[in-house]
Protein backbone atom coordinates (compact mmCIF):
# COMPACT_ATOMS: atom_id res chain seq x y z
CA MET A 1 68.50 106.36 77.61
CA PRO A 2 68.13 104.08 74.56
CA ASP A 3 67.99 100.40 75.46
CA ALA A 4 70.84 99.65 73.05
CA ALA A 5 73.11 102.13 74.82
CA ARG A 6 72.34 100.69 78.24
CA VAL A 7 72.93 97.12 77.11
CA HIS A 8 76.21 97.96 75.41
CA LEU A 9 77.49 100.05 78.30
CA GLY A 10 76.67 97.34 80.83
CA SER A 11 78.37 94.74 78.67
CA GLU A 12 81.55 96.81 78.38
CA LEU A 13 81.68 97.52 82.10
CA ARG A 14 81.19 93.86 83.01
CA ALA A 15 83.82 92.77 80.51
CA PHE A 16 86.46 95.15 81.81
CA TYR A 17 85.59 94.36 85.42
CA ALA A 18 85.99 90.67 84.65
CA CYS A 19 89.47 91.44 83.27
CA ILE A 20 90.41 93.11 86.53
CA LEU A 21 89.10 90.21 88.60
CA ALA A 22 91.14 87.79 86.50
CA GLU A 23 94.44 89.64 86.93
CA GLU A 24 97.23 88.20 89.02
CA GLN A 25 97.29 89.96 92.35
CA PRO A 26 100.26 92.23 93.17
CA PRO A 27 102.99 90.30 95.03
CA ALA A 28 103.10 92.94 97.77
CA LEU A 29 99.46 92.29 98.66
CA LEU A 30 99.91 88.52 98.57
CA ASP A 31 102.98 88.84 100.79
CA LEU A 32 101.03 90.96 103.25
CA VAL A 33 98.31 88.33 103.59
CA ALA A 34 101.01 85.67 104.02
CA ARG A 35 102.61 87.66 106.83
CA LEU A 36 99.25 88.06 108.52
CA THR A 37 98.75 84.31 108.30
CA GLN A 38 102.15 83.70 109.90
CA ALA A 39 101.19 86.08 112.70
CA SER A 40 98.28 83.83 113.65
CA THR A 41 99.48 82.45 116.97
CA GLY A 42 98.03 81.63 120.36
CA ARG A 43 94.79 79.94 121.25
CA ASP A 44 92.92 81.73 118.46
CA ALA A 45 95.50 80.78 115.83
CA ALA A 46 93.14 78.52 113.89
CA ALA A 47 90.40 81.14 113.73
CA TYR A 48 92.82 83.87 112.69
CA ALA A 49 94.40 81.64 110.06
CA ALA A 50 90.93 81.02 108.64
CA PHE A 51 90.28 84.76 108.65
CA SER A 52 93.49 85.47 106.72
CA ALA A 53 92.54 82.75 104.23
CA ASP A 54 89.22 84.52 103.72
CA LEU A 55 91.10 87.78 103.15
CA LEU A 56 93.11 86.08 100.42
CA THR A 57 89.92 84.82 98.77
CA ALA A 58 88.42 88.31 98.92
CA LEU A 59 91.52 90.02 97.52
CA PRO A 60 90.61 90.04 93.78
CA GLY A 61 87.17 91.52 94.40
CA LEU A 62 88.49 93.99 96.94
CA ARG A 63 91.17 95.24 94.57
CA ALA A 64 88.63 95.52 91.76
CA PHE A 65 86.43 97.66 93.99
CA ALA A 66 89.43 99.81 94.93
CA LEU A 67 90.19 100.38 91.25
CA SER A 68 86.61 101.48 90.66
CA LEU A 69 87.10 104.19 93.27
CA ALA A 70 90.70 105.25 92.75
CA ILE A 71 91.08 104.37 89.03
CA ASN A 72 94.87 104.54 89.41
CA ALA A 73 96.34 101.08 90.08
CA ALA A 74 99.03 102.21 92.53
CA THR A 75 96.53 104.18 94.60
CA ALA A 76 94.12 101.25 94.55
CA ASP A 77 96.82 98.89 95.82
CA ASP A 78 97.62 101.30 98.65
CA LEU A 79 93.93 101.35 99.56
CA VAL A 80 93.76 97.56 99.59
CA GLN A 81 96.89 97.28 101.71
CA GLU A 82 95.53 99.69 104.30
CA THR A 83 92.17 97.90 104.25
CA LEU A 84 93.79 94.52 104.88
CA LEU A 85 95.78 95.92 107.80
CA ARG A 86 92.74 97.60 109.33
CA ALA A 87 90.65 94.49 108.85
CA TRP A 88 93.31 92.41 110.59
CA GLN A 89 93.59 94.87 113.46
CA ASN A 90 89.82 94.80 113.90
CA ARG A 91 89.24 91.13 113.10
CA HIS A 92 87.66 90.61 116.51
CA ARG A 93 84.87 92.96 115.41
CA PHE A 94 83.94 90.90 112.38
CA GLU A 95 81.00 88.60 112.98
CA PRO A 96 81.72 85.14 111.52
CA GLY A 97 79.13 84.16 108.97
CA SER A 98 78.36 87.71 107.92
CA ASN A 99 79.41 89.25 104.60
CA LEU A 100 83.18 89.72 104.76
CA MET A 101 83.41 91.41 101.36
CA ALA A 102 80.82 94.02 102.27
CA TRP A 103 82.68 94.67 105.54
CA LEU A 104 86.00 95.05 103.71
CA CYS A 105 84.54 97.32 101.05
CA THR A 106 83.06 99.55 103.74
CA ILE A 107 86.49 99.87 105.38
CA LEU A 108 88.10 100.60 102.02
CA ARG A 109 85.66 103.26 100.85
CA ASN A 110 85.66 104.99 104.25
CA HIS A 111 89.45 105.21 104.09
CA PHE A 112 89.32 106.43 100.48
CA TYR A 113 86.98 109.32 101.23
CA THR A 114 88.80 110.18 104.46
CA GLU A 115 92.04 110.52 102.52
CA CYS A 116 90.30 112.64 99.90
CA ARG A 117 89.04 115.01 102.57
CA LYS A 118 92.43 115.17 104.25
CA ARG A 119 94.18 116.11 101.05
CA LYS A 120 91.46 118.62 100.19
CA ARG A 121 91.81 117.82 96.55
CA GLU A 122 89.41 117.03 93.75
CA VAL A 123 89.29 113.29 93.20
CA GLU A 124 87.71 113.43 89.76
CA ASP A 125 90.01 112.52 86.90
CA ALA A 126 88.89 115.26 84.54
CA ASP A 127 91.30 114.35 81.75
CA GLY A 128 91.11 110.60 82.16
CA VAL A 129 94.85 110.54 82.85
CA MET A 130 94.64 108.27 85.89
CA ALA A 131 92.26 105.93 84.09
CA ALA A 132 94.88 105.40 81.43
CA GLN A 133 97.30 104.26 84.13
CA VAL A 134 95.34 101.13 85.06
CA ALA A 135 98.25 99.16 83.74
CA ALA A 136 97.81 95.65 85.06
CA PRO A 137 98.38 92.95 82.40
CA ALA A 138 94.73 92.05 81.81
CA ALA A 139 93.81 95.71 81.44
CA GLN A 140 96.55 96.28 78.90
CA GLU A 141 95.25 93.42 76.81
CA ALA A 142 91.67 94.68 76.83
CA SER A 143 90.08 95.84 73.61
CA SER A 144 90.18 99.48 72.60
CA ASP A 145 86.44 99.70 73.34
CA LEU A 146 86.98 98.55 76.93
CA LYS A 147 89.90 100.90 77.45
CA ARG A 148 87.86 103.82 76.15
CA VAL A 149 84.95 103.06 78.46
CA TRP A 150 87.29 102.75 81.44
CA GLN A 151 89.04 106.00 80.58
CA HIS A 152 85.74 107.88 80.43
CA LEU A 153 84.64 106.18 83.63
CA GLY A 154 87.59 107.88 85.32
CA LYS A 155 86.09 111.27 84.51
CA LEU A 156 83.00 110.64 86.63
CA PRO A 157 82.73 111.86 90.22
CA PRO A 158 83.71 108.98 92.55
CA SER A 159 80.20 108.75 94.01
CA GLN A 160 78.72 108.17 90.55
CA ARG A 161 81.55 105.89 89.49
CA GLU A 162 81.23 103.53 92.44
CA ALA A 163 77.44 103.48 92.10
CA LEU A 164 77.67 102.51 88.44
CA ILE A 165 80.32 99.86 89.11
CA LEU A 166 78.33 98.31 91.95
CA VAL A 167 75.10 98.10 89.97
CA ALA A 168 76.12 97.79 86.31
CA ALA A 169 79.41 95.88 86.62
CA GLN A 170 79.02 93.87 89.83
CA GLY A 171 75.30 93.30 89.37
CA MET A 172 74.21 94.42 92.82
CA THR A 173 70.62 95.51 93.33
CA TYR A 174 70.00 99.18 93.99
CA GLU A 175 68.95 98.26 97.51
CA ALA A 176 72.13 96.29 98.27
CA ALA A 177 74.37 98.96 96.77
CA ALA A 178 72.61 101.68 98.74
CA GLU A 179 73.03 99.71 101.96
CA LEU A 180 76.75 99.23 101.31
CA ILE A 181 77.34 102.90 100.58
CA GLY A 182 74.96 104.15 103.23
CA CYS A 183 72.56 106.18 101.13
CA GLN A 184 68.90 106.10 100.14
CA VAL A 185 67.83 103.78 97.32
CA GLY A 186 66.56 106.78 95.38
CA THR A 187 69.98 108.42 95.69
CA MET A 188 71.64 105.28 94.37
CA LYS A 189 69.29 105.13 91.39
CA SER A 190 69.94 108.80 90.66
CA ARG A 191 73.72 108.36 90.78
CA VAL A 192 73.61 105.35 88.46
CA SER A 193 71.33 107.17 86.03
CA ARG A 194 73.55 110.25 85.93
CA ALA A 195 76.66 108.12 85.52
CA ARG A 196 75.14 106.18 82.63
CA SER A 197 74.00 109.35 80.91
CA SER A 198 77.41 110.98 81.33
CA LEU A 199 79.23 107.96 79.93
CA VAL A 200 76.91 107.63 76.96
CA GLY A 201 77.29 111.33 76.27
CA SER A 202 81.08 111.30 76.52
CA LEU A 203 81.38 108.17 74.38
CA GLY A 204 79.19 109.70 71.68
CA MET A 205 77.42 107.67 69.04
CA ASP A 206 79.85 104.74 69.33
CA VAL A 207 77.72 103.25 72.07
CA HIS A 208 74.66 103.27 69.84
CA GLN A 209 76.37 102.14 66.67
CA LYS A 210 78.38 99.24 68.06
CA THR A 211 75.56 97.48 69.87
CA PRO A 212 74.20 94.55 67.84
CA MET A 213 70.48 95.16 67.90
CA GLY A 214 69.84 91.44 68.03
CA GLN A 215 71.40 91.32 71.49
CA ILE A 216 68.77 93.51 73.07
CA ALA A 217 66.20 90.77 73.23
CA SER A 218 68.58 88.32 74.88
CA ASP A 219 70.56 90.63 77.19
CA SER A 220 69.01 91.87 80.39
CA LEU A 221 68.82 95.62 80.69
CA GLU A 222 69.87 95.22 84.31
CA PRO A 223 73.29 93.53 83.92
CA ALA A 224 73.99 90.16 85.44
CA ALA A 225 76.43 90.08 88.31
CA VAL A 226 80.17 89.83 88.03
CA GLN A 227 80.29 88.20 91.42
CA ILE A 228 82.76 89.41 94.01
CA GLY A 229 80.79 88.28 97.03
CA LEU A 230 79.05 91.48 98.03
CA GLY A 231 75.71 89.76 98.06
CA ALA A 232 72.33 90.86 96.79
């Protein structure tokens, strides 16, 4: 893949992902965390209150990850809600001091793929219809370039989409992303490579033409992280 294409694609993915992270969180999800906080009673009340506060801090990144899997905003919010409930029910299993975001993302993606198998339906968005429905305020205000990249991202198989988001948008290493997903590092590299090639192909020459060549020297070909706390 031409260096210019990789740089431009990574820049677009990071920019749109940053928009998602900056969005106001849905009131229903904020209310859920508030109710969980109020449910913190008994001798472990302080610890549980701290846990719910950590859930609130993790919410933007968790929802962004859900959107990268589900593409559709409503489906992503349902995934996050179920993840928060499951995390709360299993809070005694979380080891304090370990990576909460990675733990939450594992719960979320396991639930996502379980639901996909239950419904026995294809989760690819072949026409990009669901991608066009990411209708949160920040997404609506994104540039046409960002919207186009996100729409084409929705056409990728979920396994390739999440791999590309983890590495190119969130800035995780291949090793860290592979550990989170539970696959070999070589598999992760292959998924990212196929996803990049598919996106560049579907976007056509725009990717090559709109990349300022002067940026190549200053931009890393492996994108910097849009941090959501998954760790390196």
